[in-house]
Amino acid sequence: MDSRNEQSEESETISLLTRYFRRLINHIEQLKDFPDYLITYVQRFATGNYSVDPSPTSKAKTSIYRDTFGFRKLLIFVTQTKLVALDTSNKGQIVWSRYFGGIVSEFQKIFVVRSSTVKYPPVVVAIGIQKKPDKSNITCLFRLNALTGEDFITDHEIYTPTENNISFSIPTVARRIFKLPVEEPDERTHIIALLDEDLKASSLKAFQKFATSFYFALSDGIGSKSLKGYSVAIDKISQPFNINRLWELNFPEGNNIVAIGHRPSHEKVASLGRVLGDRSVLYKYLNPHIVVVATSSPSTTSLDFYLIDIIKGSILYHTVHDNISPSNPVQIIQVENTIVYHFWSEEQEKGYKVVVCDLYESGKPDERFDT
């Protein structure tokens, strides 16, 4: 019997000598795997491929396990009607896939609502639009186990198959979808909030703690000519939450929005500053209420780049890039105090250009501001 599989009650009834011999026999049996282990261990350092599992017990190539340094990840993405999980350490091998073509006309977003832990598997929520024959739309949410792609059922739920395995749906198109910094206490999953076309938010007691400090910006999507800022107010009489418009920013005539970059919904900041060579520190500008917008005019070849405060609607930074191609896509990413965006340039050396902006509280080291 393997000493690792002994029950606590059995260990209390057998002698120390018996347990010692069981452990010794177990180690002797494991010696037969030592040559394979040694070969794999040397191979990892010779090739630099740390995705190879060096444990004596061989695993199938499709099994999911954490590698030594935690580099192995599952890359989960959505196409128009399909979810696919790829193994980054095995040349993008497909671990699982789910097709929702008969249910969803188009997926909008996917969120990781729970990361992988010792006790719980990771959980993702995919959000898609279901178009009905009567031209009405339904927003559908699907909760999936990120390791297997199967429907996620909580421990306290009684599994009753629903139509097309939809976890939750609302009879409209979600105008904006948020991942809130609020966890469900039992299953430790983050809560998703949906804002419908009438700018109504669903009732949620946990959201009331920070609803008054929750701000967001909305537009009519790519091609719109303006950006609006909103806040959330608690109204116990009419409904739990009211959405109030604070400001509206209209872009110059002819300019349309071509890209919008929001900060990650649940970002963890690694450090508050950048240490320089003389041990002084440039402190990062970590305003959580900023949005990045790029606008362009179909009749011109310029790209306007705006950094906007969504509480006041003020423009914190603005720059213009000339000789760009408005027909090529523009992408924007925000991470901590860094903004990265790229566009197609029609200058002498044609091609995509990448611009990186680092935001700091001050240009002088060791200087911070309370406001």
Protein backbone atom coordinates (compact mmCIF):
# COMPACT_ATOMS: atom_id res chain seq x y z
CA MET A 1 0.00 0.00 0.00
CA ASP A 2 1.25 3.47 -0.85
CA SER A 3 1.96 5.36 2.36
CA ARG A 4 0.70 8.55 0.69
CA ASN A 5 -2.78 6.99 0.40
CA GLU A 6 -3.07 5.94 4.04
CA GLN A 7 -6.06 7.27 5.90
CA SER A 8 -5.46 9.08 9.19
CA GLU A 9 -7.43 6.42 11.09
CA GLU A 10 -5.24 3.64 9.69
CA SER A 11 -2.01 5.49 10.50
CA GLU A 12 -3.03 5.69 14.13
CA THR A 13 -3.54 1.92 14.42
CA ILE A 14 -0.33 0.59 12.81
CA SER A 15 3.11 0.61 14.39
CA LEU A 16 5.96 2.92 13.48
CA LEU A 17 8.01 -0.02 12.19
CA THR A 18 5.23 -1.08 9.79
CA ARG A 19 4.89 2.45 8.48
CA TYR A 20 8.67 2.65 8.00
CA PHE A 21 8.78 -0.53 5.89
CA ARG A 22 5.80 0.63 3.82
CA ARG A 23 7.55 3.89 3.04
CA LEU A 24 10.80 2.04 2.22
CA ILE A 25 8.98 -0.31 -0.19
CA ASN A 26 7.27 2.65 -1.81
CA HIS A 27 10.61 4.40 -2.41
CA ILE A 28 12.12 1.25 -3.90
CA GLU A 29 9.20 0.95 -6.33
CA GLN A 30 9.73 4.53 -7.41
CA LEU A 31 13.39 3.85 -8.29
CA LYS A 32 12.30 2.28 -11.58
CA ASP A 33 11.20 5.73 -12.76
CA PHE A 34 14.48 7.41 -11.79
CA PRO A 35 16.26 6.92 -15.21
CA ASP A 36 13.38 8.61 -17.06
CA TYR A 37 13.33 11.37 -14.48
CA LEU A 38 17.08 11.98 -14.86
CA ILE A 39 16.90 12.09 -18.66
CA THR A 40 13.99 14.54 -18.60
CA TYR A 41 15.70 16.69 -15.97
CA VAL A 42 18.88 17.01 -18.07
CA GLN A 43 16.81 17.66 -21.20
CA ARG A 44 15.05 20.60 -19.58
CA PHE A 45 18.32 22.40 -18.82
CA ALA A 46 19.96 21.46 -22.14
CA THR A 47 17.10 22.73 -24.32
CA GLY A 48 15.69 25.42 -22.02
CA ASN A 49 12.24 23.87 -22.37
CA TYR A 50 10.80 24.02 -18.85
CA SER A 51 7.35 22.91 -19.98
CA VAL A 52 8.48 19.28 -19.77
CA ASP A 53 7.22 17.70 -16.57
CA PRO A 54 10.20 16.10 -14.70
CA SER A 55 8.11 14.18 -12.18
CA PRO A 56 8.66 10.41 -12.10
CA THR A 57 5.02 9.70 -12.77
CA SER A 58 4.56 10.32 -16.48
CA LYS A 59 1.56 12.38 -17.51
CA ALA A 60 -0.30 12.44 -20.75
CA LYS A 61 0.47 15.34 -23.04
CA THR A 62 -3.08 16.61 -22.73
CA SER A 63 -3.15 16.60 -18.91
CA ILE A 64 -3.21 19.92 -17.12
CA TYR A 65 -0.60 20.55 -14.44
CA ARG A 66 1.38 23.50 -13.14
CA ASP A 67 4.99 23.60 -14.32
CA THR A 68 7.96 24.40 -12.08
CA PHE A 69 8.01 28.17 -12.66
CA GLY A 70 4.33 28.72 -13.45
CA PHE A 71 4.93 29.63 -17.10
CA ARG A 72 2.37 27.18 -18.42
CA LYS A 73 -0.91 28.95 -19.10
CA LEU A 74 -4.19 28.29 -20.83
CA LEU A 75 -4.99 30.83 -23.52
CA ILE A 76 -8.78 31.09 -23.74
CA PHE A 77 -10.35 33.20 -26.47
CA VAL A 78 -13.62 33.55 -28.31
CA THR A 79 -14.39 33.61 -32.00
CA GLN A 80 -17.79 34.70 -33.25
CA THR A 81 -19.58 31.59 -31.95
CA LYS A 82 -16.89 29.41 -30.35
CA LEU A 83 -14.69 29.25 -27.25
CA VAL A 84 -11.24 27.67 -27.53
CA ALA A 85 -8.57 26.94 -24.89
CA LEU A 86 -4.96 26.52 -26.04
CA ASP A 87 -1.99 25.11 -24.12
CA THR A 88 0.79 27.71 -24.39
CA SER A 89 3.50 25.21 -23.39
CA ASN A 90 2.53 22.60 -25.99
CA LYS A 91 2.69 24.62 -29.23
CA GLY A 92 -0.86 25.88 -28.89
CA GLN A 93 -2.49 22.46 -28.66
CA ILE A 94 -6.27 22.70 -28.22
CA VAL A 95 -7.20 21.58 -24.72
CA TRP A 96 -10.95 22.05 -25.16
CA SER A 97 -13.42 23.90 -27.36
CA ARG A 98 -17.12 24.70 -27.14
CA TYR A 99 -19.35 25.64 -30.06
CA PHE A 100 -22.40 27.83 -29.40
CA GLY A 101 -23.47 28.50 -32.98
CA GLY A 102 -27.04 27.35 -32.38
CA ILE A 103 -27.34 29.58 -29.32
CA VAL A 104 -25.21 32.69 -29.79
CA SER A 105 -25.03 34.87 -32.88
CA GLU A 106 -21.89 36.64 -31.68
CA PHE A 107 -19.80 36.68 -28.51
CA GLN A 108 -18.99 40.08 -27.02
CA LYS A 109 -16.58 39.49 -24.14
CA ILE A 110 -15.03 36.92 -21.88
CA PHE A 111 -14.05 37.47 -18.24
CA VAL A 112 -11.98 35.48 -15.78
CA VAL A 113 -14.16 35.68 -12.65
CA ARG A 114 -12.03 33.32 -10.58
CA SER A 115 -8.35 32.48 -10.91
CA SER A 116 -6.96 29.03 -10.30
CA THR A 117 -6.47 28.21 -6.61
CA VAL A 118 -5.66 25.12 -4.60
CA LYS A 119 -9.28 24.53 -3.64
CA TYR A 120 -11.20 25.93 -6.61
CA PRO A 121 -10.77 25.58 -10.39
CA PRO A 122 -10.65 28.75 -12.52
CA VAL A 123 -13.94 30.02 -13.90
CA VAL A 124 -14.62 32.14 -16.99
CA VAL A 125 -17.82 33.89 -18.06
CA ALA A 126 -18.51 34.28 -21.78
CA ILE A 127 -21.08 36.87 -22.84
CA GLY A 128 -22.83 36.66 -26.19
CA ILE A 129 -25.81 38.01 -28.11
CA GLN A 130 -28.68 35.78 -29.22
CA LYS A 131 -30.70 37.22 -32.10
CA LYS A 132 -34.31 36.10 -32.28
CA PRO A 133 -36.37 35.77 -35.50
CA ASP A 134 -38.57 38.67 -34.32
CA LYS A 135 -35.41 40.89 -34.39
CA SER A 136 -35.25 41.05 -30.59
CA ASN A 137 -31.93 40.41 -28.88
CA ILE A 138 -30.99 38.54 -25.71
CA THR A 139 -27.71 38.83 -23.81
CA CYS A 140 -26.59 35.37 -22.66
CA LEU A 141 -23.98 34.53 -20.02
CA PHE A 142 -22.21 31.17 -19.85
CA ARG A 143 -20.17 30.09 -16.81
CA LEU A 144 -17.48 27.57 -17.71
CA ASN A 145 -14.77 25.65 -15.91
CA ALA A 146 -11.64 27.08 -17.54
CA LEU A 147 -9.73 23.78 -17.27
CA THR A 148 -12.33 21.56 -18.93
CA GLY A 149 -14.76 23.88 -20.75
CA GLU A 150 -17.70 22.25 -18.99
CA ASP A 151 -20.58 24.23 -17.48
CA PHE A 152 -19.66 25.52 -14.04
CA ILE A 153 -22.09 24.48 -11.32
CA THR A 154 -21.53 25.74 -7.78
CA ASP A 155 -21.49 23.34 -4.84
CA HIS A 156 -24.74 24.71 -3.41
CA GLU A 157 -26.61 24.60 -6.74
CA ILE A 158 -28.80 21.70 -7.82
CA TYR A 159 -28.01 21.07 -11.47
CA THR A 160 -31.13 21.36 -13.59
CA PRO A 161 -30.41 21.51 -17.33
CA THR A 162 -31.69 24.78 -18.80
CA GLU A 163 -32.32 25.74 -22.38
CA ASN A 164 -28.97 25.66 -24.20
CA ASN A 165 -27.15 25.62 -20.82
CA ILE A 166 -27.40 29.41 -20.46
CA SER A 167 -26.40 30.46 -16.94
CA PHE A 168 -28.13 33.85 -17.09
CA SER A 169 -29.83 36.02 -19.71
CA ILE A 170 -31.48 39.42 -20.06
CA PRO A 171 -33.97 40.32 -22.83
CA THR A 172 -31.87 43.16 -24.26
CA VAL A 173 -28.37 44.02 -25.45
CA ALA A 174 -25.93 45.00 -22.69
CA ARG A 175 -24.66 48.51 -23.33
CA ARG A 176 -21.65 48.02 -21.08
CA ILE A 177 -20.34 45.06 -19.08
CA PHE A 178 -18.26 45.47 -15.91
CA LYS A 179 -16.30 43.06 -13.77
CA LEU A 180 -16.81 44.37 -10.24
CA PRO A 181 -14.22 44.15 -7.45
CA VAL A 182 -16.78 42.18 -5.42
CA GLU A 183 -16.59 38.46 -4.76
CA GLU A 184 -19.43 36.04 -4.12
CA PRO A 185 -18.60 34.84 -0.59
CA ASP A 186 -19.23 31.10 -1.05
CA GLU A 187 -17.58 30.35 -4.38
CA ARG A 188 -15.10 33.28 -4.47
CA THR A 189 -16.16 34.33 -7.96
CA HIS A 190 -16.20 37.98 -9.04
CA ILE A 191 -19.55 39.51 -9.91
CA ILE A 192 -20.42 40.73 -13.42
CA ALA A 193 -22.62 43.82 -13.77
CA LEU A 194 -24.56 44.57 -16.97
CA LEU A 195 -25.84 47.96 -18.02
CA ASP A 196 -28.74 47.72 -20.45
CA GLU A 197 -29.71 50.07 -23.28
CA ASP A 198 -31.94 52.10 -20.96
CA LEU A 199 -28.95 52.72 -18.63
CA LYS A 200 -30.41 50.62 -15.83
CA ALA A 201 -28.19 48.63 -13.51
CA SER A 202 -29.28 45.47 -11.74
CA SER A 203 -29.85 45.37 -7.98
CA LEU A 204 -26.96 44.06 -5.94
CA LYS A 205 -26.42 44.65 -2.23
CA ALA A 206 -22.66 44.08 -2.43
CA PHE A 207 -22.39 46.84 -5.05
CA GLN A 208 -23.88 49.47 -2.74
CA LYS A 209 -20.63 49.72 -0.76
CA PHE A 210 -18.80 51.51 -3.56
CA ALA A 211 -21.62 52.53 -5.93
CA THR A 212 -21.27 56.23 -5.12
CA SER A 213 -17.60 56.21 -6.19
CA PHE A 214 -18.22 54.21 -9.38
CA TYR A 215 -17.72 56.21 -12.59
CA PHE A 216 -17.66 55.11 -16.21
CA ALA A 217 -17.67 56.47 -19.75
CA LEU A 218 -19.93 55.43 -22.61
CA SER A 219 -20.07 56.06 -26.34
CA ASP A 220 -22.05 54.69 -29.24
CA GLY A 221 -19.08 52.51 -30.12
CA ILE A 222 -16.57 52.79 -32.94
CA GLY A 223 -17.62 55.58 -35.30
CA SER A 224 -19.37 57.72 -32.69
CA LYS A 225 -18.59 61.42 -32.40
CA SER A 226 -18.83 61.97 -28.64
CA LEU A 227 -18.06 60.45 -25.25
CA LYS A 228 -20.26 60.71 -22.15
CA GLY A 229 -19.41 60.28 -18.49
CA TYR A 230 -21.74 58.76 -15.87
CA SER A 231 -21.90 58.11 -12.16
CA VAL A 232 -23.99 55.70 -10.08
CA ALA A 233 -26.35 56.97 -7.38
CA ILE A 234 -28.39 54.96 -4.88
CA ASP A 235 -32.12 55.61 -5.06
CA LYS A 236 -34.14 53.50 -2.60
CA ILE A 237 -37.49 54.84 -3.80
CA SER A 238 -37.63 54.16 -7.54
CA GLN A 239 -34.90 51.56 -7.99
CA PRO A 240 -31.68 50.54 -6.24
CA PHE A 241 -29.38 52.42 -8.63
CA ASN A 242 -29.73 55.47 -10.82
CA ILE A 243 -27.32 56.33 -13.63
CA ASN A 244 -26.58 60.08 -13.81
CA ARG A 245 -24.85 61.76 -16.74
CA LEU A 246 -22.06 64.07 -15.61
CA TRP A 247 -20.55 65.41 -18.83
CA GLU A 248 -20.40 65.05 -22.59
CA LEU A 249 -17.30 65.55 -24.72
CA ASN A 250 -17.85 66.25 -28.42
CA PHE A 251 -14.86 65.69 -30.68
CA PRO A 252 -13.98 68.08 -33.54
CA GLU A 253 -16.22 68.08 -36.59
CA GLY A 254 -15.60 65.09 -38.80
CA ASN A 255 -13.64 63.12 -36.17
CA ASN A 256 -14.99 59.72 -35.20
CA ILE A 257 -13.86 57.33 -32.49
CA VAL A 258 -11.68 54.55 -33.93
CA ALA A 259 -10.43 52.94 -30.69
CA ILE A 260 -11.09 53.08 -26.93
CA GLY A 261 -8.77 51.73 -24.25
CA HIS A 262 -9.97 51.03 -20.71
CA ARG A 263 -7.87 49.99 -17.74
CA PRO A 264 -8.10 46.32 -16.77
CA SER A 265 -11.14 45.67 -14.61
CA HIS A 266 -9.19 44.20 -11.70
CA GLU A 267 -5.61 45.35 -12.08
CA LYS A 268 -2.92 44.60 -9.51
CA VAL A 269 -0.16 47.22 -9.42
CA ALA A 270 3.29 45.72 -9.03
CA SER A 271 5.01 48.84 -7.64
CA LEU A 272 4.18 52.47 -7.01
CA GLY A 273 7.22 53.90 -8.74
CA ARG A 274 10.19 53.42 -11.03
CA VAL A 275 13.57 53.37 -9.31
CA LEU A 276 16.25 55.34 -11.16
CA GLY A 277 19.99 54.78 -11.21
CA ASP A 278 20.64 57.19 -8.33
CA ARG A 279 18.00 55.37 -6.19
CA SER A 280 15.49 58.16 -6.58
CA VAL A 281 11.94 57.24 -7.58
CA LEU A 282 9.58 58.45 -10.28
CA TYR A 283 6.11 57.80 -8.86
CA LYS A 284 3.57 56.35 -11.28
CA TYR A 285 0.41 58.23 -12.17
CA LEU A 286 -2.18 55.59 -11.24
CA ASN A 287 -5.48 57.38 -11.72
CA PRO A 288 -8.13 54.62 -11.99
CA HIS A 289 -10.57 57.03 -13.66
CA ILE A 290 -8.95 57.56 -17.03
CA VAL A 291 -9.89 56.36 -20.50
CA VAL A 292 -7.88 56.55 -23.71
CA VAL A 293 -9.63 57.48 -26.95
CA ALA A 294 -8.30 57.68 -30.52
CA THR A 295 -10.24 59.61 -33.15
CA SER A 296 -9.75 60.04 -36.88
CA SER A 297 -11.50 61.65 -39.81
CA PRO A 298 -12.17 59.66 -43.00
CA SER A 299 -11.27 62.73 -45.07
CA THR A 300 -7.91 63.36 -43.36
CA THR A 301 -4.79 61.35 -42.61
CA SER A 302 -4.35 62.34 -38.96
CA LEU A 303 -4.98 60.46 -35.73
CA ASP A 304 -5.94 62.30 -32.51
CA PHE A 305 -5.03 60.63 -29.24
CA TYR A 306 -6.82 61.72 -26.03
CA LEU A 307 -6.31 60.86 -22.37
CA ILE A 308 -9.57 61.74 -20.57
CA ASP A 309 -10.56 61.91 -16.91
CA ILE A 310 -13.96 60.17 -16.73
CA ILE A 311 -15.02 61.95 -13.53
CA LYS A 312 -14.69 65.52 -14.82
CA GLY A 313 -14.55 64.92 -18.56
CA SER A 314 -11.32 66.92 -18.81
CA ILE A 315 -8.60 66.16 -21.36
CA LEU A 316 -5.38 65.31 -19.52
CA TYR A 317 -3.27 64.80 -22.63
CA HIS A 318 -3.71 65.23 -26.38
CA THR A 319 -1.43 64.56 -29.32
CA VAL A 320 -1.80 64.23 -33.10
CA HIS A 321 -0.13 61.79 -35.52
CA ASP A 322 -0.07 62.71 -39.20
CA ASN A 323 0.18 60.58 -42.33
CA ILE A 324 -1.79 57.62 -41.00
CA SER A 325 -4.13 55.26 -42.82
CA PRO A 326 -7.71 55.57 -41.45
CA SER A 327 -8.67 52.25 -43.06
CA ASN A 328 -6.28 50.22 -40.86
CA PRO A 329 -7.31 49.33 -37.29
CA VAL A 330 -5.99 51.14 -34.21
CA GLN A 331 -5.39 49.20 -30.99
CA ILE A 332 -4.99 50.63 -27.46
CA ILE A 333 -3.93 48.92 -24.22
CA GLN A 334 -3.66 50.35 -20.70
CA VAL A 335 -1.57 48.67 -18.00
CA GLU A 336 -0.79 50.47 -14.73
CA ASN A 337 0.73 53.82 -15.79
CA THR A 338 1.65 52.67 -19.31
CA ILE A 339 -0.43 53.19 -22.45
CA VAL A 340 0.47 51.39 -25.67
CA TYR A 341 -1.23 52.05 -29.00
CA HIS A 342 -0.40 51.28 -32.61
CA PHE A 343 -1.52 52.57 -36.01
CA TRP A 344 -0.55 52.28 -39.68
CA SER A 345 1.83 55.00 -40.85
CA GLU A 346 2.01 56.19 -44.46
CA GLU A 347 5.31 58.00 -44.01
CA GLN A 348 8.52 57.12 -45.89
CA GLU A 349 8.83 53.83 -44.02
CA LYS A 350 5.32 52.43 -44.24
CA GLY A 351 4.08 50.03 -41.61
CA TYR A 352 2.59 49.84 -38.14
CA LYS A 353 4.05 52.14 -35.52
CA VAL A 354 3.85 51.46 -31.79
CA VAL A 355 3.73 54.36 -29.32
CA VAL A 356 4.35 53.84 -25.59
CA CYS A 357 3.35 56.51 -23.05
CA ASP A 358 4.51 56.28 -19.42
CA LEU A 359 2.58 58.48 -16.99
CA TYR A 360 4.22 59.81 -13.81
CA GLU A 361 2.98 62.15 -11.11
CA SER A 362 5.88 64.53 -11.71
CA GLY A 363 8.88 64.94 -13.96
CA LYS A 364 11.02 65.36 -10.87
CA PRO A 365 12.12 62.30 -8.85
CA ASP A 366 10.79 61.73 -5.32
CA GLU A 367 7.90 64.17 -5.83
CA ARG A 368 4.33 63.12 -5.06
CA PHE A 369 1.02 64.98 -4.83
CA ASP A 370 -1.90 64.40 -2.48
CA THR A 371 -4.55 65.51 -5.01
